[in-house]
């Protein structure tokens, strides 16, 4: 009996775990032409985001809010402000940050979004920024 239950458990785990591991996270950045806060984010965070643990865990995907929303994205509600950062898991919204609160707060807020949704990330000590 124990052997049969173990086989069922292992078979179930082999079926379920790969699908959990394949959940794909992205950080969607919604922007629009002329957005000064988008430009500020692009100057301060844009060059280093992909080099960070957050960027590795949730690669950046950009959309222009003046264009139609891509068909593969499901949002909880429409995007009205720029920049808006939407954490997507398997192309579905799970968390949102509206506006750019500045470099110091951005990292903490994105980290909280990832943690709340069970997305592990490594905090890297050197991202290539010149904060010396």
C-alpha atoms as a PDB file:
ATOM      1  CA  UNK A   1       0.000   0.000   0.000  1.00  0.00           C
ATOM      2  CA  UNK A   2       2.768   2.439   0.981  1.00  0.00           C
ATOM      3  CA  UNK A   3       4.632   1.629  -2.225  1.00  0.00           C
ATOM      4  CA  UNK A   4       1.546   2.385  -4.338  1.00  0.00           C
ATOM      5  CA  UNK A   5       0.902   5.697  -2.535  1.00  0.00           C
ATOM      6  CA  UNK A   6       4.538   6.664  -3.008  1.00  0.00           C
ATOM      7  CA  UNK A   7       4.317   5.893  -6.733  1.00  0.00           C
ATOM      8  CA  UNK A   8       1.153   7.991  -7.049  1.00  0.00           C
ATOM      9  CA  UNK A   9       2.768  10.866  -5.135  1.00  0.00           C
ATOM     10  CA  UNK A  10       5.936  10.764  -7.257  1.00  0.00           C
ATOM     11  CA  UNK A  11       3.942  10.543 -10.485  1.00  0.00           C
ATOM     12  CA  UNK A  12       1.786  13.496  -9.410  1.00  0.00           C
ATOM     13  CA  UNK A  13       4.845  15.510  -8.399  1.00  0.00           C
ATOM     14  CA  UNK A  14       6.537  14.817 -11.724  1.00  0.00           C
ATOM     15  CA  UNK A  15       3.433  16.045 -13.520  1.00  0.00           C
ATOM     16  CA  UNK A  16       2.714  19.134 -11.369  1.00  0.00           C
ATOM     17  CA  UNK A  17       6.176  20.454 -10.487  1.00  0.00           C
ATOM     18  CA  UNK A  18       7.401  21.108 -14.034  1.00  0.00           C
ATOM     19  CA  UNK A  19       4.289  23.161 -14.750  1.00  0.00           C
ATOM     20  CA  UNK A  20       4.925  25.244 -11.612  1.00  0.00           C
ATOM     21  CA  UNK A  21       8.569  25.704 -12.511  1.00  0.00           C
ATOM     22  CA  UNK A  22       7.634  26.898 -15.977  1.00  0.00           C
ATOM     23  CA  UNK A  23       5.531  29.821 -14.716  1.00  0.00           C
ATOM     24  CA  UNK A  24       6.943  32.785 -16.558  1.00  0.00           C
ATOM     25  CA  UNK A  25       7.215  36.177 -14.880  1.00  0.00           C
ATOM     26  CA  UNK A  26       7.647  39.495 -16.672  1.00  0.00           C
ATOM     27  CA  UNK A  27       7.580  43.086 -15.526  1.00  0.00           C
ATOM     28  CA  UNK A  28       5.444  44.986 -17.979  1.00  0.00           C
ATOM     29  CA  UNK A  29       6.283  48.681 -18.286  1.00  0.00           C
ATOM     30  CA  UNK A  30       3.461  50.715 -19.764  1.00  0.00           C
ATOM     31  CA  UNK A  31       4.701  54.029 -21.132  1.00  0.00           C
ATOM     32  CA  UNK A  32       3.727  56.706 -23.607  1.00  0.00           C
ATOM     33  CA  UNK A  33       5.534  59.337 -25.688  1.00  0.00           C
ATOM     34  CA  UNK A  34       6.350  62.494 -23.732  1.00  0.00           C
ATOM     35  CA  UNK A  35       6.114  60.874 -20.279  1.00  0.00           C
ATOM     36  CA  UNK A  36       8.761  62.612 -18.155  1.00  0.00           C
ATOM     37  CA  UNK A  37       8.611  59.959 -15.438  1.00  0.00           C
ATOM     38  CA  UNK A  38       9.147  57.252 -18.046  1.00  0.00           C
ATOM     39  CA  UNK A  39      12.209  59.164 -19.248  1.00  0.00           C
ATOM     40  CA  UNK A  40      13.453  59.417 -15.668  1.00  0.00           C
ATOM     41  CA  UNK A  41      13.008  55.653 -15.174  1.00  0.00           C
ATOM     42  CA  UNK A  42      14.748  55.005 -18.507  1.00  0.00           C
ATOM     43  CA  UNK A  43      17.725  57.119 -17.394  1.00  0.00           C
ATOM     44  CA  UNK A  44      18.010  55.819 -13.826  1.00  0.00           C
ATOM     45  CA  UNK A  45      16.834  52.202 -13.947  1.00  0.00           C
ATOM     46  CA  UNK A  46      16.622  51.203 -17.608  1.00  0.00           C
ATOM     47  CA  UNK A  47      20.362  50.632 -18.178  1.00  0.00           C
ATOM     48  CA  UNK A  48      20.746  48.348 -15.143  1.00  0.00           C
ATOM     49  CA  UNK A  49      17.378  46.617 -14.711  1.00  0.00           C
ATOM     50  CA  UNK A  50      18.319  43.594 -16.825  1.00  0.00           C
ATOM     51  CA  UNK A  51      21.542  43.137 -14.817  1.00  0.00           C
ATOM     52  CA  UNK A  52      19.730  42.824 -11.479  1.00  0.00           C
ATOM     53  CA  UNK A  53      18.183  39.881  -9.690  1.00  0.00           C
ATOM     54  CA  UNK A  54      14.777  41.480 -10.183  1.00  0.00           C
ATOM     55  CA  UNK A  55      15.459  41.797 -13.902  1.00  0.00           C
ATOM     56  CA  UNK A  56      16.537  38.163 -14.124  1.00  0.00           C
ATOM     57  CA  UNK A  57      13.424  36.998 -12.251  1.00  0.00           C
ATOM     58  CA  UNK A  58      11.012  39.219 -14.203  1.00  0.00           C
ATOM     59  CA  UNK A  59      12.471  40.466 -17.493  1.00  0.00           C
ATOM     60  CA  UNK A  60      11.172  43.799 -18.722  1.00  0.00           C
ATOM     61  CA  UNK A  61       8.508  43.976 -21.406  1.00  0.00           C
ATOM     62  CA  UNK A  62       7.446  47.391 -22.684  1.00  0.00           C
ATOM     63  CA  UNK A  63       4.165  48.520 -24.159  1.00  0.00           C
ATOM     64  CA  UNK A  64       2.942  51.907 -25.352  1.00  0.00           C
ATOM     65  CA  UNK A  65      -0.471  52.717 -23.841  1.00  0.00           C
ATOM     66  CA  UNK A  66      -1.429  54.612 -26.992  1.00  0.00           C
ATOM     67  CA  UNK A  67      -1.256  51.310 -28.922  1.00  0.00           C
ATOM     68  CA  UNK A  68      -3.644  48.372 -28.572  1.00  0.00           C
ATOM     69  CA  UNK A  69      -2.831  45.968 -25.731  1.00  0.00           C
ATOM     70  CA  UNK A  70      -1.151  42.810 -27.048  1.00  0.00           C
ATOM     71  CA  UNK A  71      -3.590  39.889 -27.229  1.00  0.00           C
ATOM     72  CA  UNK A  72      -1.489  37.645 -24.993  1.00  0.00           C
ATOM     73  CA  UNK A  73      -1.727  39.958 -21.933  1.00  0.00           C
ATOM     74  CA  UNK A  74      -4.564  39.806 -19.414  1.00  0.00           C
ATOM     75  CA  UNK A  75      -4.830  42.807 -17.086  1.00  0.00           C
ATOM     76  CA  UNK A  76      -6.983  43.159 -13.968  1.00  0.00           C
ATOM     77  CA  UNK A  77      -7.975  46.663 -15.120  1.00  0.00           C
ATOM     78  CA  UNK A  78      -6.945  49.147 -17.777  1.00  0.00           C
ATOM     79  CA  UNK A  79      -3.763  51.171 -17.540  1.00  0.00           C
ATOM     80  CA  UNK A  80      -4.366  54.919 -17.284  1.00  0.00           C
ATOM     81  CA  UNK A  81      -1.088  56.307 -15.909  1.00  0.00           C
ATOM     82  CA  UNK A  82       2.494  56.141 -17.093  1.00  0.00           C
ATOM     83  CA  UNK A  83       4.708  54.610 -16.187  1.00  0.00           C
ATOM     84  CA  UNK A  84       2.777  51.685 -14.785  1.00  0.00           C
ATOM     85  CA  UNK A  85       4.663  48.532 -13.893  1.00  0.00           C
ATOM     86  CA  UNK A  86       2.615  45.329 -13.988  1.00  0.00           C
ATOM     87  CA  UNK A  87       3.952  42.030 -12.752  1.00  0.00           C
ATOM     88  CA  UNK A  88       2.738  39.335 -15.112  1.00  0.00           C
ATOM     89  CA  UNK A  89       2.837  35.619 -14.404  1.00  0.00           C
ATOM     90  CA  UNK A  90       2.091  33.603 -17.504  1.00  0.00           C
ATOM     91  CA  UNK A  91       0.906  36.878 -19.117  1.00  0.00           C
ATOM     92  CA  UNK A  92      -1.698  37.548 -16.394  1.00  0.00           C
ATOM     93  CA  UNK A  93      -1.526  40.522 -14.031  1.00  0.00           C
ATOM     94  CA  UNK A  94      -0.771  39.611 -10.426  1.00  0.00           C
ATOM     95  CA  UNK A  95       0.500  42.950  -9.064  1.00  0.00           C
ATOM     96  CA  UNK A  96       0.832  46.580 -10.134  1.00  0.00           C
ATOM     97  CA  UNK A  97       2.876  49.701  -9.369  1.00  0.00           C
ATOM     98  CA  UNK A  98       1.469  52.932 -10.793  1.00  0.00           C
ATOM     99  CA  UNK A  99       3.962  55.729 -11.290  1.00  0.00           C
ATOM    100  CA  UNK A 100       7.700  55.908 -10.748  1.00  0.00           C
ATOM    101  CA  UNK A 101       8.476  56.685  -7.097  1.00  0.00           C
ATOM    102  CA  UNK A 102      12.186  57.276  -7.726  1.00  0.00           C
ATOM    103  CA  UNK A 103      15.151  54.949  -7.796  1.00  0.00           C
ATOM    104  CA  UNK A 104      15.346  54.326  -4.044  1.00  0.00           C
ATOM    105  CA  UNK A 105      11.711  53.241  -3.642  1.00  0.00           C
ATOM    106  CA  UNK A 106      11.382  51.458  -6.986  1.00  0.00           C
ATOM    107  CA  UNK A 107      13.665  48.554  -6.057  1.00  0.00           C
ATOM    108  CA  UNK A 108      11.939  47.900  -2.742  1.00  0.00           C
ATOM    109  CA  UNK A 109       8.464  48.023  -4.264  1.00  0.00           C
ATOM    110  CA  UNK A 110       9.350  45.713  -7.150  1.00  0.00           C
ATOM    111  CA  UNK A 111      11.042  43.360  -4.683  1.00  0.00           C
ATOM    112  CA  UNK A 112       7.855  43.264  -2.594  1.00  0.00           C
ATOM    113  CA  UNK A 113       5.789  42.522  -5.726  1.00  0.00           C
ATOM    114  CA  UNK A 114       8.045  39.580  -6.545  1.00  0.00           C
ATOM    115  CA  UNK A 115       8.112  38.244  -2.968  1.00  0.00           C
ATOM    116  CA  UNK A 116       4.322  38.472  -2.555  1.00  0.00           C
ATOM    117  CA  UNK A 117       3.909  36.344  -5.655  1.00  0.00           C
ATOM    118  CA  UNK A 118       6.511  33.729  -4.748  1.00  0.00           C
ATOM    119  CA  UNK A 119       9.044  34.731  -7.388  1.00  0.00           C
ATOM    120  CA  UNK A 120      12.560  34.231  -6.020  1.00  0.00           C
ATOM    121  CA  UNK A 121      15.238  36.717  -6.955  1.00  0.00           C
ATOM    122  CA  UNK A 122      18.799  37.383  -5.959  1.00  0.00           C
ATOM    123  CA  UNK A 123      19.778  40.821  -4.717  1.00  0.00           C
ATOM    124  CA  UNK A 124      22.992  41.552  -6.565  1.00  0.00           C
ATOM    125  CA  UNK A 125      25.512  43.810  -4.854  1.00  0.00           C
ATOM    126  CA  UNK A 126      26.966  45.268  -8.053  1.00  0.00           C
ATOM    127  CA  UNK A 127      24.606  46.184 -10.892  1.00  0.00           C
ATOM    128  CA  UNK A 128      27.073  48.314 -12.755  1.00  0.00           C
ATOM    129  CA  UNK A 129      25.632  51.579 -11.457  1.00  0.00           C
ATOM    130  CA  UNK A 130      28.027  54.260 -10.336  1.00  0.00           C
ATOM    131  CA  UNK A 131      26.709  54.786  -6.785  1.00  0.00           C
ATOM    132  CA  UNK A 132      30.136  55.224  -5.255  1.00  0.00           C
END
